[in-house]
Amino acid sequence: MTVTVLGALVGVAAGGLMILLAAAVAPHPVIFLGAGAVALFVVTAALVRAGLALARARRGWRTALIIGAGWTALIGIGFGLVFLRPFPAMPDQPVPADVRFWKLADGTRLAYVASPATAAARQPTPVIFLHGGPGTPGEGLPFGTTELNAAGYDVYSYDQIGAGRSTRLTDVTGYTVARNVADLEAVRERIEAEQVILIGQSWGGSLAAQYLAAHPDRVAKVAFTSPGEIWPKAHPDTEVSPWGALTGANEKRYDELMSDPRFLLQAVLLDNSPQAAHHLVGDAESDARLHEIAVTGRDLGGCPGGPPGAGEVHQNPQGFYANQLTNADFDKIDDPRPVLRTIRTPALVLRAECDYVPWIDTREYRDTLPEATMVYLPGAGHGITDDAGPAYLRAILGFLAGVRLDGYTGADDPAR
């Protein structure tokens, strides 16, 4: 009896290991899950047969095969109930009337919105907003578009590849920092701009820095608003995450979402074979799950004790695989700072008092870029325009107009 139980347990372990090994070679669920079932059956039957042989039982192989088949069927049913039930997907939403699409050379599409200048004196350099995440676009035109239009700027905002209404890649390993830089360059060419002004929020700031390093002659000015890390390895001990501040019902819901067995299996497969994870858990349900996770943290963009997130939650889809794979690639890229230290493009860094991005990571932008000015905005968090909209606009418009701003030059966090 002891050997039979041991055989069953070892069989489960062997099946799980085989799933991972097979997924790395053949990332299709029928193949790698089938390989796991075969390993479970063979190992269980073999060990049960060995135990029966020691006990000198008759018809050992027949009994072993029956036990192996029964155990495999039982585990398979349980596995299916626990791991193979899809997450609910977001309901389909009509594409807003102002959303248009750029088709790139590889056939993929980037969704975008545009708003032309309204001033009689039109500025020659358009503004491109870069959203955060990676993979977490907003909806519609960004905050400040009307004022930028009135100042003479054409404004563009697009959903980065794998997010929002833009194309999801079949090969998820294609979500890289380099791909995002190349897409931004394609956008510049598409709008026929010799140079652009970039405004990057959160991860969008990180992307703006990467693009600036790759195409310094194409950037007239750049604003980093509550930017993410300029390079993750610059300060490896810092943690750029708001989730530890969750409380109450939001914390409970976040924990439920993150501990879902299917989500955990997906995470294991992502580390082992991203394509296997993608084939098992597709974009629609993965994006819906990321959307739910993001909703639990909608109040984390402001200062502690501030008002809850206002307004309705938009339905422009999150991009789960774009988020996971781009972040993973971001951890591997070369240091852009040596190049950035040589670039004299005017830069604005907006630091919010309650930003969850560590101070030293924001300061890195000011200290790296020779022509950078940092402006500190009290009473605001990572969602910088939510609580400091007027101050944000004054800084952005003043910077673009060439006004000398009152910059913060200290080494210590001004919020301390």
Protein backbone atom coordinates (compact mmCIF):
# COMPACT_ATOMS: atom_id res chain seq x y z
CA MET A 1 0.00 0.00 0.00
CA THR A 2 2.83 2.37 0.91
CA VAL A 3 4.56 1.81 -2.45
CA THR A 4 1.27 2.38 -4.28
CA VAL A 5 0.75 5.73 -2.56
CA LEU A 6 4.40 6.65 -3.17
CA GLY A 7 4.05 5.71 -6.83
CA ALA A 8 0.97 7.90 -7.17
CA LEU A 9 2.71 10.91 -5.61
CA VAL A 10 5.93 10.46 -7.58
CA GLY A 11 3.82 10.06 -10.71
CA VAL A 12 2.21 13.46 -10.12
CA ALA A 13 5.63 15.05 -9.66
CA ALA A 14 6.91 13.35 -12.81
CA GLY A 15 3.86 14.54 -14.74
CA GLY A 16 4.38 18.13 -13.63
CA LEU A 17 8.07 18.05 -14.53
CA MET A 18 7.27 16.57 -17.93
CA ILE A 19 4.76 19.36 -18.61
CA LEU A 20 7.49 21.93 -18.08
CA LEU A 21 10.07 20.03 -20.13
CA ALA A 22 7.67 19.40 -22.99
CA ALA A 23 6.35 22.97 -22.95
CA ALA A 24 9.86 24.30 -23.56
CA VAL A 25 10.11 22.16 -26.72
CA ALA A 26 6.52 22.00 -27.99
CA PRO A 27 4.48 24.88 -26.54
CA HIS A 28 1.05 23.57 -27.52
CA PRO A 29 -1.22 22.48 -24.65
CA VAL A 30 -2.31 19.21 -26.27
CA ILE A 31 1.32 18.16 -26.55
CA PHE A 32 2.79 19.32 -23.24
CA LEU A 33 -0.26 18.39 -21.16
CA GLY A 34 -0.47 15.07 -22.98
CA ALA A 35 3.20 14.43 -22.25
CA GLY A 36 2.54 15.14 -18.60
CA ALA A 37 -0.34 12.67 -18.54
CA VAL A 38 1.81 9.97 -20.16
CA ALA A 39 4.61 10.55 -17.64
CA LEU A 40 2.10 10.39 -14.78
CA PHE A 41 0.68 7.12 -16.04
CA VAL A 42 4.02 5.44 -16.78
CA VAL A 43 5.74 6.41 -13.53
CA THR A 44 2.72 5.55 -11.39
CA ALA A 45 2.22 2.16 -13.08
CA ALA A 46 5.92 1.29 -12.93
CA LEU A 47 6.27 2.09 -9.25
CA VAL A 48 3.04 0.30 -8.35
CA ARG A 49 4.26 -2.72 -10.31
CA ALA A 50 7.54 -2.63 -8.40
CA GLY A 51 5.67 -2.57 -5.12
CA LEU A 52 3.47 -5.49 -6.13
CA ALA A 53 6.51 -7.45 -7.22
CA LEU A 54 8.07 -6.97 -3.81
CA ALA A 55 4.85 -8.25 -2.28
CA ARG A 56 4.86 -11.20 -4.69
CA ALA A 57 1.37 -10.26 -5.85
CA ARG A 58 -0.18 -12.08 -8.80
CA ARG A 59 -1.21 -10.20 -11.96
CA GLY A 60 1.09 -7.36 -10.96
CA TRP A 61 1.24 -5.60 -14.33
CA ARG A 62 -2.50 -5.74 -14.89
CA THR A 63 -3.20 -4.26 -11.48
CA ALA A 64 -0.46 -1.66 -11.93
CA LEU A 65 -1.84 -0.56 -15.30
CA ILE A 66 -5.37 -0.28 -13.91
CA ILE A 67 -4.18 1.77 -10.94
CA GLY A 68 -1.99 3.94 -13.21
CA ALA A 69 -4.84 4.58 -15.64
CA GLY A 70 -7.34 5.31 -12.87
CA TRP A 71 -4.98 7.66 -11.06
CA THR A 72 -4.11 9.47 -14.30
CA ALA A 73 -7.80 9.91 -15.11
CA LEU A 74 -8.55 11.20 -11.62
CA ILE A 75 -5.66 13.67 -11.67
CA GLY A 76 -6.58 14.73 -15.20
CA ILE A 77 -10.14 15.55 -14.18
CA GLY A 78 -8.96 17.46 -11.13
CA PHE A 79 -6.32 19.29 -13.18
CA GLY A 80 -8.93 20.32 -15.70
CA LEU A 81 -11.31 21.62 -13.06
CA VAL A 82 -8.59 23.57 -11.26
CA PHE A 83 -6.32 24.81 -14.05
CA LEU A 84 -8.18 24.69 -17.35
CA ARG A 85 -11.30 26.72 -16.66
CA PRO A 86 -10.78 30.04 -18.51
CA PHE A 87 -10.88 33.38 -16.76
CA PRO A 88 -13.86 35.49 -17.82
CA ALA A 89 -12.95 37.77 -20.71
CA MET A 90 -13.93 41.42 -20.96
CA PRO A 91 -17.06 42.02 -23.02
CA ASP A 92 -16.43 43.35 -26.51
CA GLN A 93 -16.68 47.11 -26.71
CA PRO A 94 -17.23 49.20 -29.83
CA VAL A 95 -14.18 51.12 -31.02
CA PRO A 96 -14.67 54.81 -30.20
CA ALA A 97 -15.22 57.03 -33.21
CA ASP A 98 -12.00 59.00 -32.68
CA VAL A 99 -9.74 55.93 -32.65
CA ARG A 100 -7.79 55.28 -35.82
CA PHE A 101 -5.05 52.81 -36.75
CA TRP A 102 -1.56 52.91 -38.17
CA LYS A 103 -0.56 49.78 -40.08
CA LEU A 104 3.13 48.94 -39.64
CA ALA A 105 5.44 47.22 -42.10
CA ASP A 106 5.00 43.82 -40.45
CA GLY A 107 1.21 44.02 -40.74
CA THR A 108 0.54 44.86 -37.09
CA ARG A 109 -1.63 47.84 -36.19
CA LEU A 110 -1.30 50.54 -33.57
CA ALA A 111 -4.46 52.23 -32.38
CA TYR A 112 -4.17 55.97 -31.87
CA VAL A 113 -6.06 59.18 -31.26
CA ALA A 114 -5.00 62.54 -32.62
CA SER A 115 -5.99 66.13 -31.95
CA PRO A 116 -4.78 68.92 -34.25
CA ALA A 117 -3.55 72.30 -33.12
CA THR A 118 -6.22 74.95 -32.72
CA ALA A 119 -3.94 77.99 -32.53
CA ALA A 120 -3.43 80.12 -35.62
CA ALA A 121 0.34 79.81 -35.12
CA ARG A 122 0.91 76.09 -35.47
CA GLN A 123 4.05 74.60 -33.94
CA PRO A 124 6.16 72.50 -36.34
CA THR A 125 6.87 69.76 -33.81
CA PRO A 126 4.04 67.44 -32.68
CA VAL A 127 3.61 66.02 -29.20
CA ILE A 128 3.43 62.26 -28.68
CA PHE A 129 2.22 60.89 -25.35
CA LEU A 130 3.61 57.53 -24.21
CA HIS A 131 1.44 55.56 -21.80
CA GLY A 132 2.60 53.49 -18.87
CA GLY A 133 2.64 49.85 -17.97
CA PRO A 134 4.06 48.44 -20.11
CA GLY A 135 0.71 47.38 -21.49
CA THR A 136 -1.62 49.70 -19.58
CA PRO A 137 -3.00 52.35 -21.93
CA GLY A 138 -5.47 55.03 -21.06
CA GLU A 139 -8.60 55.89 -22.98
CA GLY A 140 -8.94 58.82 -25.33
CA LEU A 141 -6.83 61.95 -25.46
CA PRO A 142 -4.47 62.57 -22.51
CA PHE A 143 -4.88 65.26 -19.90
CA GLY A 144 -3.72 68.64 -21.21
CA THR A 145 -4.46 67.97 -24.88
CA THR A 146 -6.79 70.97 -25.21
CA GLU A 147 -4.19 73.32 -23.76
CA LEU A 148 -1.44 71.89 -25.96
CA ASN A 149 -3.64 72.28 -29.01
CA ALA A 150 -4.30 75.89 -28.02
CA ALA A 151 -0.54 76.42 -27.78
CA GLY A 152 -0.21 75.24 -31.37
CA TYR A 153 0.75 71.59 -30.93
CA ASP A 154 -0.68 68.61 -32.74
CA VAL A 155 -1.12 65.85 -30.16
CA TYR A 156 -0.94 62.09 -30.65
CA SER A 157 -1.45 59.23 -28.22
CA TYR A 158 -1.25 55.58 -29.20
CA ASP A 159 -1.70 52.15 -27.67
CA GLN A 160 1.68 50.44 -27.64
CA ILE A 161 1.97 47.04 -29.31
CA GLY A 162 0.12 44.33 -27.42
CA ALA A 163 -2.03 46.78 -25.45
CA GLY A 164 -5.34 48.55 -25.81
CA ARG A 165 -6.77 48.16 -29.29
CA SER A 166 -3.39 47.54 -30.91
CA THR A 167 -2.34 44.17 -32.33
CA ARG A 168 -1.53 41.26 -30.03
CA LEU A 169 1.55 39.39 -31.25
CA THR A 170 1.30 35.69 -32.04
CA ASP A 171 4.86 35.24 -30.76
CA VAL A 172 4.83 36.90 -27.36
CA THR A 173 8.63 36.90 -27.17
CA GLY A 174 8.37 39.76 -29.67
CA TYR A 175 7.36 42.12 -26.86
CA THR A 176 10.67 43.84 -26.23
CA VAL A 177 11.98 47.30 -25.43
CA ALA A 178 13.61 47.40 -28.87
CA ARG A 179 10.25 46.65 -30.50
CA ASN A 180 8.65 49.57 -28.68
CA VAL A 181 11.48 51.89 -29.71
CA ALA A 182 11.14 50.75 -33.33
CA ASP A 183 7.37 51.28 -33.22
CA LEU A 184 7.81 54.82 -31.91
CA GLU A 185 10.22 55.56 -34.74
CA ALA A 186 7.65 54.16 -37.18
CA VAL A 187 5.03 56.46 -35.65
CA ARG A 188 7.33 59.46 -36.15
CA GLU A 189 7.78 58.52 -39.79
CA ARG A 190 4.07 57.94 -40.23
CA ILE A 191 3.16 61.43 -39.02
CA GLU A 192 5.98 62.83 -41.19
CA ALA A 193 7.66 64.72 -38.37
CA GLU A 194 11.35 65.57 -38.54
CA GLN A 195 11.35 65.78 -34.76
CA VAL A 196 8.86 65.05 -32.00
CA ILE A 197 8.20 66.14 -28.44
CA LEU A 198 7.74 63.16 -26.13
CA ILE A 199 5.73 63.16 -22.91
CA GLY A 200 6.22 59.82 -21.17
CA GLN A 201 4.20 58.80 -18.12
CA SER A 202 5.52 56.04 -15.82
CA TRP A 203 6.84 53.26 -18.11
CA GLY A 204 6.28 55.74 -20.94
CA GLY A 205 9.11 57.77 -19.40
CA SER A 206 11.36 54.72 -19.49
CA LEU A 207 10.45 54.21 -23.15
CA ALA A 208 11.09 57.89 -23.93
CA ALA A 209 14.60 57.56 -22.47
CA GLN A 210 15.28 54.47 -24.59
CA TYR A 211 14.04 56.21 -27.73
CA LEU A 212 16.09 59.31 -26.94
CA ALA A 213 19.22 57.16 -26.59
CA ALA A 214 18.52 55.46 -29.93
CA HIS A 215 17.35 58.53 -31.89
CA PRO A 216 18.62 61.68 -30.18
CA ASP A 217 18.34 63.76 -33.35
CA ARG A 218 14.62 62.99 -33.60
CA VAL A 219 13.62 64.40 -30.20
CA ALA A 220 13.18 68.15 -29.86
CA LYS A 221 12.18 68.03 -26.18
CA VAL A 222 11.15 65.34 -23.74
CA ALA A 223 9.12 65.38 -20.54
CA PHE A 224 9.28 62.53 -18.06
CA THR A 225 6.18 62.59 -15.83
CA SER A 226 6.37 60.30 -12.79
CA PRO A 227 8.77 58.18 -14.85
CA GLY A 228 9.63 54.57 -14.20
CA GLU A 229 13.22 53.42 -13.98
CA ILE A 230 15.67 54.73 -16.53
CA TRP A 231 17.46 51.36 -16.32
CA PRO A 232 16.42 48.64 -13.82
CA LYS A 233 19.98 47.67 -12.95
CA ALA A 234 20.91 51.23 -11.99
CA HIS A 235 19.37 50.69 -8.55
CA PRO A 236 18.59 46.97 -8.29
CA ASP A 237 17.66 47.20 -4.61
CA THR A 238 14.71 49.51 -5.19
CA GLU A 239 11.18 48.21 -5.65
CA VAL A 240 8.96 49.99 -8.16
CA SER A 241 5.60 48.65 -7.07
CA PRO A 242 2.51 50.11 -5.39
CA TRP A 243 0.85 46.83 -4.45
CA GLY A 244 2.20 46.66 -0.91
CA ALA A 245 0.01 49.65 -0.03
CA LEU A 246 -3.26 47.87 -0.79
CA THR A 247 -5.72 47.51 2.08
CA GLY A 248 -9.21 46.23 2.80
CA ALA A 249 -11.38 44.83 0.04
CA ASN A 250 -8.91 45.79 -2.68
CA GLU A 251 -6.11 43.87 -0.98
CA LYS A 252 -8.36 40.84 -0.56
CA ARG A 253 -9.43 40.92 -4.20
CA TYR A 254 -5.83 41.37 -5.36
CA ASP A 255 -4.73 38.35 -3.33
CA GLU A 256 -7.59 36.28 -4.78
CA LEU A 257 -6.63 37.19 -8.34
CA MET A 258 -2.92 36.57 -7.84
CA SER A 259 -3.43 33.21 -6.10
CA ASP A 260 -5.79 31.74 -8.67
CA PRO A 261 -4.35 28.30 -9.65
CA ARG A 262 -4.67 28.99 -13.38
CA PHE A 263 -2.86 32.30 -12.94
CA LEU A 264 -0.09 30.57 -10.97
CA LEU A 265 0.30 27.89 -13.65
CA GLN A 266 0.49 30.62 -16.27
CA ALA A 267 3.23 32.34 -14.26
CA VAL A 268 5.26 29.12 -14.03
CA LEU A 269 4.92 28.55 -17.76
CA LEU A 270 5.88 32.16 -18.49
CA ASP A 271 9.23 31.64 -16.78
CA ASN A 272 9.76 28.37 -18.62
CA SER A 273 8.12 28.91 -22.02
CA PRO A 274 6.23 32.15 -22.73
CA GLN A 275 4.70 30.66 -25.86
CA ALA A 276 3.30 27.73 -23.88
CA ALA A 277 1.71 30.15 -21.41
CA HIS A 278 0.21 32.10 -24.29
CA HIS A 279 -1.20 29.01 -25.99
CA LEU A 280 -2.75 27.81 -22.73
CA VAL A 281 -4.06 31.17 -21.50
CA GLY A 282 -4.83 33.44 -24.43
CA ASP A 283 -4.83 37.20 -24.73
CA ALA A 284 -8.53 37.82 -24.08
CA GLU A 285 -8.64 36.18 -20.67
CA SER A 286 -5.13 37.30 -19.69
CA ASP A 287 -5.88 40.92 -20.54
CA ALA A 288 -9.14 40.73 -18.60
CA ARG A 289 -7.29 39.38 -15.57
CA LEU A 290 -4.71 42.18 -15.74
CA HIS A 291 -7.57 44.67 -16.02
CA GLU A 292 -9.09 43.31 -12.81
CA ILE A 293 -5.73 43.50 -11.05
CA ALA A 294 -5.24 47.08 -12.20
CA VAL A 295 -8.69 48.06 -10.92
CA THR A 296 -7.75 46.94 -7.39
CA GLY A 297 -4.92 49.47 -7.45
CA ARG A 298 -6.74 52.42 -8.97
CA ASP A 299 -6.49 54.36 -5.69
CA LEU A 300 -2.73 53.88 -5.37
CA GLY A 301 -1.83 56.69 -7.76
CA GLY A 302 -2.43 59.44 -5.24
CA CYS A 303 -1.20 60.41 -1.78
CA PRO A 304 -2.18 58.24 1.20
CA GLY A 305 -5.51 59.31 2.61
CA GLY A 306 -6.42 61.13 -0.56
CA PRO A 307 -9.75 60.79 -2.36
CA PRO A 308 -10.48 57.50 -4.13
CA GLY A 309 -9.95 57.19 -7.86
CA ALA A 310 -12.55 59.28 -9.61
CA GLY A 311 -14.61 58.51 -12.66
CA GLU A 312 -15.54 55.30 -14.42
CA VAL A 313 -12.98 52.58 -15.12
CA HIS A 314 -12.27 52.70 -18.84
CA GLN A 315 -12.59 49.57 -20.97
CA ASN A 316 -9.54 49.96 -23.20
CA PRO A 317 -7.96 46.52 -22.63
CA GLN A 318 -4.79 45.93 -20.70
CA GLY A 319 -2.03 43.95 -22.42
CA PHE A 320 -0.90 41.15 -20.12
CA TYR A 321 1.78 39.57 -22.27
CA ALA A 322 3.09 42.95 -23.41
CA ASN A 323 3.41 43.83 -19.74
CA GLN A 324 5.13 40.65 -18.64
CA LEU A 325 7.50 40.13 -21.56
CA THR A 326 8.48 43.78 -22.03
CA ASN A 327 9.28 44.07 -18.33
CA ALA A 328 11.34 40.87 -18.51
CA ASP A 329 13.25 42.25 -21.49
CA PHE A 330 13.72 45.61 -19.76
CA ASP A 331 15.68 43.79 -17.05
CA LYS A 332 18.16 42.56 -19.68
CA ILE A 333 18.88 45.60 -21.82
CA ASP A 334 22.18 47.45 -21.95
CA ASP A 335 22.70 50.55 -19.87
CA PRO A 336 21.46 53.60 -21.85
CA ARG A 337 22.98 56.15 -19.48
CA PRO A 338 26.42 56.48 -21.10
CA VAL A 339 24.73 57.61 -24.31
CA LEU A 340 22.15 59.76 -22.54
CA ARG A 341 24.88 61.65 -20.69
CA THR A 342 26.10 62.97 -24.04
CA ILE A 343 22.69 64.17 -25.29
CA ARG A 344 21.79 67.82 -24.76
CA THR A 345 18.09 67.58 -25.61
CA PRO A 346 16.02 69.76 -23.24
CA ALA A 347 14.32 67.51 -20.69
CA LEU A 348 11.75 68.04 -17.96
CA VAL A 349 11.38 65.62 -15.05
CA LEU A 350 8.19 65.93 -13.00
CA ARG A 351 8.42 64.38 -9.54
CA ALA A 352 5.26 64.00 -7.47
CA GLU A 353 5.40 64.14 -3.69
CA CYS A 354 3.75 60.74 -3.13
CA ASP A 355 5.04 58.88 -6.17
CA TYR A 356 5.63 55.21 -5.32
CA VAL A 357 8.60 55.12 -7.71
CA PRO A 358 11.65 55.44 -5.42
CA TRP A 359 13.15 58.92 -5.33
CA ILE A 360 16.56 57.72 -6.45
CA ASP A 361 15.06 56.27 -9.65
CA THR A 362 13.42 59.59 -10.56
CA ARG A 363 16.54 61.54 -9.66
CA GLU A 364 18.51 59.37 -12.07
CA TYR A 365 16.85 61.16 -15.00
CA ARG A 366 17.91 64.59 -13.77
CA ASP A 367 21.42 63.43 -12.93
CA THR A 368 21.92 61.60 -16.24
CA LEU A 369 20.57 64.08 -18.79
CA PRO A 370 22.73 67.23 -19.06
CA GLU A 371 19.83 69.55 -19.95
CA ALA A 372 17.29 68.15 -17.48
CA THR A 373 15.25 70.24 -15.07
CA MET A 374 13.33 68.58 -12.25
CA VAL A 375 10.11 70.15 -11.01
CA TYR A 376 8.62 68.92 -7.75
CA LEU A 377 4.82 68.78 -7.47
CA PRO A 378 3.49 68.55 -3.89
CA GLY A 379 0.18 66.91 -3.10
CA ALA A 380 0.27 64.47 -5.99
CA GLY A 381 1.13 60.81 -6.50
CA HIS A 382 2.09 58.60 -9.40
CA GLY A 383 -1.11 59.55 -11.23
CA ILE A 384 0.34 63.00 -11.36
CA THR A 385 -2.44 64.79 -13.25
CA ASP A 386 -5.17 63.54 -10.91
CA ASP A 387 -4.16 65.77 -7.99
CA ALA A 388 -1.79 68.31 -9.56
CA GLY A 389 -3.36 69.00 -12.93
CA PRO A 390 -2.88 72.80 -12.96
CA ALA A 391 0.71 72.60 -11.72
CA TYR A 392 1.43 69.82 -14.21
CA LEU A 393 0.10 71.93 -17.08
CA ARG A 394 2.05 75.03 -16.01
CA ALA A 395 5.25 73.02 -15.96
CA ILE A 396 4.64 71.30 -19.31
CA LEU A 397 3.52 74.43 -21.16
CA GLY A 398 6.26 76.53 -19.62
CA PHE A 399 8.89 73.96 -20.53
CA LEU A 400 7.69 73.79 -24.14
CA ALA A 401 7.59 77.58 -24.35
CA GLY A 402 11.18 77.84 -23.16
CA VAL A 403 10.32 79.42 -19.80
CA ARG A 404 13.02 79.02 -17.15
CA LEU A 405 11.43 76.78 -14.51
CA ASP A 406 12.16 76.73 -10.80
CA GLY A 407 13.89 73.36 -10.70
CA TYR A 408 14.76 71.22 -7.70
CA THR A 409 18.50 70.56 -7.56
CA GLY A 410 18.90 68.86 -4.19
CA ALA A 411 20.17 65.33 -3.69
CA ASP A 412 17.57 64.35 -1.07
CA ASP A 413 13.92 63.58 -1.66
CA PRO A 414 12.08 66.90 -1.17
CA ALA A 415 9.16 64.99 0.35
CA ARG A 416 11.31 63.88 3.29
